[in-house]
Amino acid sequence: MGYCVKCRDKRPMKGATEVSMPGKGGERRAMKGNCEKCGTGMYRILGKK
């Protein structure tokens, strides 16, 4: 599940994969996928390892 900015609602992600994003305090984990309804790219930031 992630928040779609275009639909303005929480929706399931299609093709979700875990990625790491660089940042000040080290790398952060995130899920990257697409909205099932409109196909817009979505991210959901996960907790630190």
PDB file of N, CA and C in Angstrom:
ATOM      1  N   MET A   1       0.848  -1.183   0.000  1.00  0.00           N
ATOM      2  CA  MET A   1       0.000   0.000   0.000  1.00  0.00           C
ATOM      3  C   MET A   1       0.893   1.245   0.000  1.00  0.00           C
ATOM      4  N   GLY A   2       0.464   2.238  -0.725  1.00  0.00           N
ATOM      5  CA  GLY A   2       1.161   3.505  -0.780  1.00  0.00           C
ATOM      6  C   GLY A   2       0.167   4.607  -1.094  1.00  0.00           C
ATOM      7  N   TYR A   3       0.600   5.858  -0.951  1.00  0.00           N
ATOM      8  CA  TYR A   3      -0.283   6.993  -1.218  1.00  0.00           C
ATOM      9  C   TYR A   3      -0.048   7.485  -2.639  1.00  0.00           C
ATOM     10  N   CYS A   4      -1.106   7.516  -3.436  1.00  0.00           N
ATOM     11  CA  CYS A   4      -1.036   8.025  -4.809  1.00  0.00           C
ATOM     12  C   CYS A   4      -1.389   9.509  -4.787  1.00  0.00           C
ATOM     13  N   VAL A   5      -0.482  10.348  -5.240  1.00  0.00           N
ATOM     14  CA  VAL A   5      -0.698  11.793  -5.241  1.00  0.00           C
ATOM     15  C   VAL A   5      -1.744  12.181  -6.284  1.00  0.00           C
ATOM     16  N   LYS A   6      -1.781  11.477  -7.390  1.00  0.00           N
ATOM     17  CA  LYS A   6      -2.724  11.801  -8.451  1.00  0.00           C
ATOM     18  C   LYS A   6      -4.155  11.418  -8.061  1.00  0.00           C
ATOM     19  N   CYS A   7      -4.345  10.221  -7.485  1.00  0.00           N
ATOM     20  CA  CYS A   7      -5.676   9.768  -7.057  1.00  0.00           C
ATOM     21  C   CYS A   7      -6.074  10.356  -5.701  1.00  0.00           C
ATOM     22  N   ARG A   8      -5.092  10.823  -4.941  1.00  0.00           N
ATOM     23  CA  ARG A   8      -5.290  11.342  -3.579  1.00  0.00           C
ATOM     24  C   ARG A   8      -5.936  10.307  -2.669  1.00  0.00           C
ATOM     25  N   ASP A   9      -5.381   9.090  -2.711  1.00  0.00           N
ATOM     26  CA  ASP A   9      -5.899   8.004  -1.888  1.00  0.00           C
ATOM     27  C   ASP A   9      -4.816   6.943  -1.717  1.00  0.00           C
ATOM     28  N   LYS A  10      -4.936   6.124  -0.667  1.00  0.00           N
ATOM     29  CA  LYS A  10      -4.025   5.001  -0.482  1.00  0.00           C
ATOM     30  C   LYS A  10      -4.473   3.875  -1.389  1.00  0.00           C
ATOM     31  N   ARG A  11      -3.519   3.353  -2.160  1.00  0.00           N
ATOM     32  CA  ARG A  11      -3.828   2.297  -3.117  1.00  0.00           C
ATOM     33  C   ARG A  11      -2.716   1.247  -3.089  1.00  0.00           C
ATOM     34  N   PRO A  12      -3.030   0.021  -3.514  1.00  0.00           N
ATOM     35  CA  PRO A  12      -1.987  -1.006  -3.640  1.00  0.00           C
ATOM     36  C   PRO A  12      -1.023  -0.649  -4.773  1.00  0.00           C
ATOM     37  N   MET A  13       0.242  -1.054  -4.602  1.00  0.00           N
ATOM     38  CA  MET A  13       1.257  -0.813  -5.624  1.00  0.00           C
ATOM     39  C   MET A  13       1.366  -2.014  -6.549  1.00  0.00           C
ATOM     40  N   LYS A  14       1.523  -1.749  -7.827  1.00  0.00           N
ATOM     41  CA  LYS A  14       1.728  -2.798  -8.836  1.00  0.00           C
ATOM     42  C   LYS A  14       3.219  -2.854  -9.142  1.00  0.00           C
ATOM     43  N   GLY A  15       3.805  -4.009  -9.112  1.00  0.00           N
ATOM     44  CA  GLY A  15       5.231  -4.166  -9.433  1.00  0.00           C
ATOM     45  C   GLY A  15       6.141  -3.556  -8.384  1.00  0.00           C
ATOM     46  N   ALA A  16       5.787  -3.664  -7.101  1.00  0.00           N
ATOM     47  CA  ALA A  16       6.568  -3.044  -6.027  1.00  0.00           C
ATOM     48  C   ALA A  16       7.899  -3.763  -5.833  1.00  0.00           C
ATOM     49  N   THR A  17       8.971  -2.979  -5.726  1.00  0.00           N
ATOM     50  CA  THR A  17      10.300  -3.505  -5.442  1.00  0.00           C
ATOM     51  C   THR A  17      10.933  -2.660  -4.355  1.00  0.00           C
ATOM     52  N   GLU A  18      11.814  -3.274  -3.561  1.00  0.00           N
ATOM     53  CA  GLU A  18      12.503  -2.536  -2.499  1.00  0.00           C
ATOM     54  C   GLU A  18      13.758  -1.885  -3.077  1.00  0.00           C
ATOM     55  N   VAL A  19      13.933  -0.591  -2.795  1.00  0.00           N
ATOM     56  CA  VAL A  19      15.094   0.160  -3.261  1.00  0.00           C
ATOM     57  C   VAL A  19      15.716   0.860  -2.060  1.00  0.00           C
ATOM     58  N   SER A  20      16.952   1.341  -2.202  1.00  0.00           N
ATOM     59  CA  SER A  20      17.595   2.120  -1.146  1.00  0.00           C
ATOM     60  C   SER A  20      17.835   3.534  -1.668  1.00  0.00           C
ATOM     61  N   MET A  21      17.525   4.517  -0.818  1.00  0.00           N
ATOM     62  CA  MET A  21      17.686   5.917  -1.188  1.00  0.00           C
ATOM     63  C   MET A  21      18.801   6.529  -0.349  1.00  0.00           C
ATOM     64  N   PRO A  22      19.749   7.225  -0.966  1.00  0.00           N
ATOM     65  CA  PRO A  22      20.803   7.867  -0.186  1.00  0.00           C
ATOM     66  C   PRO A  22      20.251   9.052   0.601  1.00  0.00           C
ATOM     67  N   GLY A  23      20.857   9.322   1.756  1.00  0.00           N
ATOM     68  CA  GLY A  23      20.419  10.445   2.575  1.00  0.00           C
ATOM     69  C   GLY A  23      21.521  10.888   3.514  1.00  0.00           C
ATOM     70  N   LYS A  24      21.218  11.882   4.340  1.00  0.00           N
ATOM     71  CA  LYS A  24      22.211  12.424   5.273  1.00  0.00           C
ATOM     72  C   LYS A  24      22.652  11.383   6.303  1.00  0.00           C
ATOM     73  N   GLY A  25      21.691  10.696   6.925  1.00  0.00           N
ATOM     74  CA  GLY A  25      21.996   9.745   7.991  1.00  0.00           C
ATOM     75  C   GLY A  25      22.285   8.347   7.501  1.00  0.00           C
ATOM     76  N   GLY A  26      22.602   8.164   6.254  1.00  0.00           N
ATOM     77  CA  GLY A  26      22.830   6.841   5.680  1.00  0.00           C
ATOM     78  C   GLY A  26      21.751   6.530   4.661  1.00  0.00           C
ATOM     79  N   GLU A  27      21.718   5.283   4.235  1.00  0.00           N
ATOM     80  CA  GLU A  27      20.733   4.900   3.224  1.00  0.00           C
ATOM     81  C   GLU A  27      19.409   4.555   3.874  1.00  0.00           C
ATOM     82  N   ARG A  28      18.304   4.927   3.215  1.00  0.00           N
ATOM     83  CA  ARG A  28      16.954   4.613   3.678  1.00  0.00           C
ATOM     84  C   ARG A  28      16.336   3.600   2.730  1.00  0.00           C
ATOM     85  N   ARG A  29      15.537   2.696   3.276  1.00  0.00           N
ATOM     86  CA  ARG A  29      14.839   1.716   2.460  1.00  0.00           C
ATOM     87  C   ARG A  29      13.495   2.287   2.025  1.00  0.00           C
ATOM     88  N   ALA A  30      13.046   1.920   0.838  1.00  0.00           N
ATOM     89  CA  ALA A  30      11.753   2.374   0.326  1.00  0.00           C
ATOM     90  C   ALA A  30      11.191   1.324  -0.625  1.00  0.00           C
ATOM     91  N   MET A  31       9.887   1.332  -0.782  1.00  0.00           N
ATOM     92  CA  MET A  31       9.214   0.499  -1.779  1.00  0.00           C
ATOM     93  C   MET A  31       8.844   1.404  -2.939  1.00  0.00           C
ATOM     94  N   LYS A  32       9.135   0.956  -4.146  1.00  0.00           N
ATOM     95  CA  LYS A  32       8.848   1.726  -5.353  1.00  0.00           C
ATOM     96  C   LYS A  32       7.952   0.888  -6.244  1.00  0.00           C
ATOM     97  N   GLY A  33       6.859   1.504  -6.715  1.00  0.00           N
ATOM     98  CA  GLY A  33       5.941   0.792  -7.587  1.00  0.00           C
ATOM     99  C   GLY A  33       5.050   1.765  -8.333  1.00  0.00           C
ATOM    100  N   ASN A  34       3.987   1.255  -8.929  1.00  0.00           N
ATOM    101  CA  ASN A  34       3.040   2.072  -9.681  1.00  0.00           C
ATOM    102  C   ASN A  34       1.642   1.870  -9.117  1.00  0.00           C
ATOM    103  N   CYS A  35       0.813   2.912  -9.218  1.00  0.00           N
ATOM    104  CA  CYS A  35      -0.578   2.848  -8.784  1.00  0.00           C
ATOM    105  C   CYS A  35      -1.334   1.881  -9.689  1.00  0.00           C
ATOM    106  N   GLU A  36      -2.165   1.013  -9.071  1.00  0.00           N
ATOM    107  CA  GLU A  36      -2.940   0.057  -9.871  1.00  0.00           C
ATOM    108  C   GLU A  36      -3.983   0.735 -10.740  1.00  0.00           C
ATOM    109  N   LYS A  37      -4.525   1.861 -10.286  1.00  0.00           N
ATOM    110  CA  LYS A  37      -5.613   2.518 -11.008  1.00  0.00           C
ATOM    111  C   LYS A  37      -5.109   3.411 -12.143  1.00  0.00           C
ATOM    112  N   CYS A  38      -4.160   4.323 -11.838  1.00  0.00           N
ATOM    113  CA  CYS A  38      -3.758   5.314 -12.855  1.00  0.00           C
ATOM    114  C   CYS A  38      -2.342   5.114 -13.399  1.00  0.00           C
ATOM    115  N   GLY A  39      -1.508   4.281 -12.753  1.00  0.00           N
ATOM    116  CA  GLY A  39      -0.162   4.008 -13.261  1.00  0.00           C
ATOM    117  C   GLY A  39       0.897   5.006 -12.835  1.00  0.00           C
ATOM    118  N   THR A  40       0.561   5.958 -11.965  1.00  0.00           N
ATOM    119  CA  THR A  40       1.528   6.948 -11.485  1.00  0.00           C
ATOM    120  C   THR A  40       2.565   6.272 -10.592  1.00  0.00           C
ATOM    121  N   GLY A  41       3.827   6.724 -10.662  1.00  0.00           N
ATOM    122  CA  GLY A  41       4.886   6.197  -9.807  1.00  0.00           C
ATOM    123  C   GLY A  41       4.628   6.535  -8.354  1.00  0.00           C
ATOM    124  N   MET A  42       4.863   5.550  -7.459  1.00  0.00           N
ATOM    125  CA  MET A  42       4.621   5.726  -6.036  1.00  0.00           C
ATOM    126  C   MET A  42       5.836   5.267  -5.235  1.00  0.00           C
ATOM    127  N   TYR A  43       6.051   5.889  -4.082  1.00  0.00           N
ATOM    128  CA  TYR A  43       7.083   5.485  -3.137  1.00  0.00           C
ATOM    129  C   TYR A  43       6.464   5.343  -1.761  1.00  0.00           C
ATOM    130  N   ARG A  44       6.997   4.413  -0.971  1.00  0.00           N
ATOM    131  CA  ARG A  44       6.644   4.323   0.433  1.00  0.00           C
ATOM    132  C   ARG A  44       7.944   4.117   1.197  1.00  0.00           C
ATOM    133  N   ILE A  45       8.285   5.044   2.076  1.00  0.00           N
ATOM    134  CA  ILE A  45       9.524   4.976   2.835  1.00  0.00           C
ATOM    135  C   ILE A  45       9.326   3.978   3.987  1.00  0.00           C
ATOM    136  N   LEU A  46      10.274   3.048   4.137  1.00  0.00           N
ATOM    137  CA  LEU A  46      10.229   2.029   5.167  1.00  0.00           C
ATOM    138  C   LEU A  46      11.160   2.411   6.316  1.00  0.00           C
ATOM    139  N   GLY A  47      11.086   1.671   7.414  1.00  0.00           N
ATOM    140  CA  GLY A  47      11.941   1.924   8.562  1.00  0.00           C
ATOM    141  C   GLY A  47      13.384   1.548   8.288  1.00  0.00           C
ATOM    142  N   LYS A  48      14.271   2.017   9.154  1.00  0.00           N
ATOM    143  CA  LYS A  48      15.694   1.694   9.013  1.00  0.00           C
ATOM    144  C   LYS A  48      15.930   0.250   9.419  1.00  0.00           C
ATOM    145  N   LYS A  49      16.988  -0.342   8.884  1.00  0.00           N
ATOM    146  CA  LYS A  49      17.323  -1.731   9.209  1.00  0.00           C
ATOM    147  C   LYS A  49      17.863  -1.833  10.605  1.00  0.00           C
TER     148      LYS A  49
END
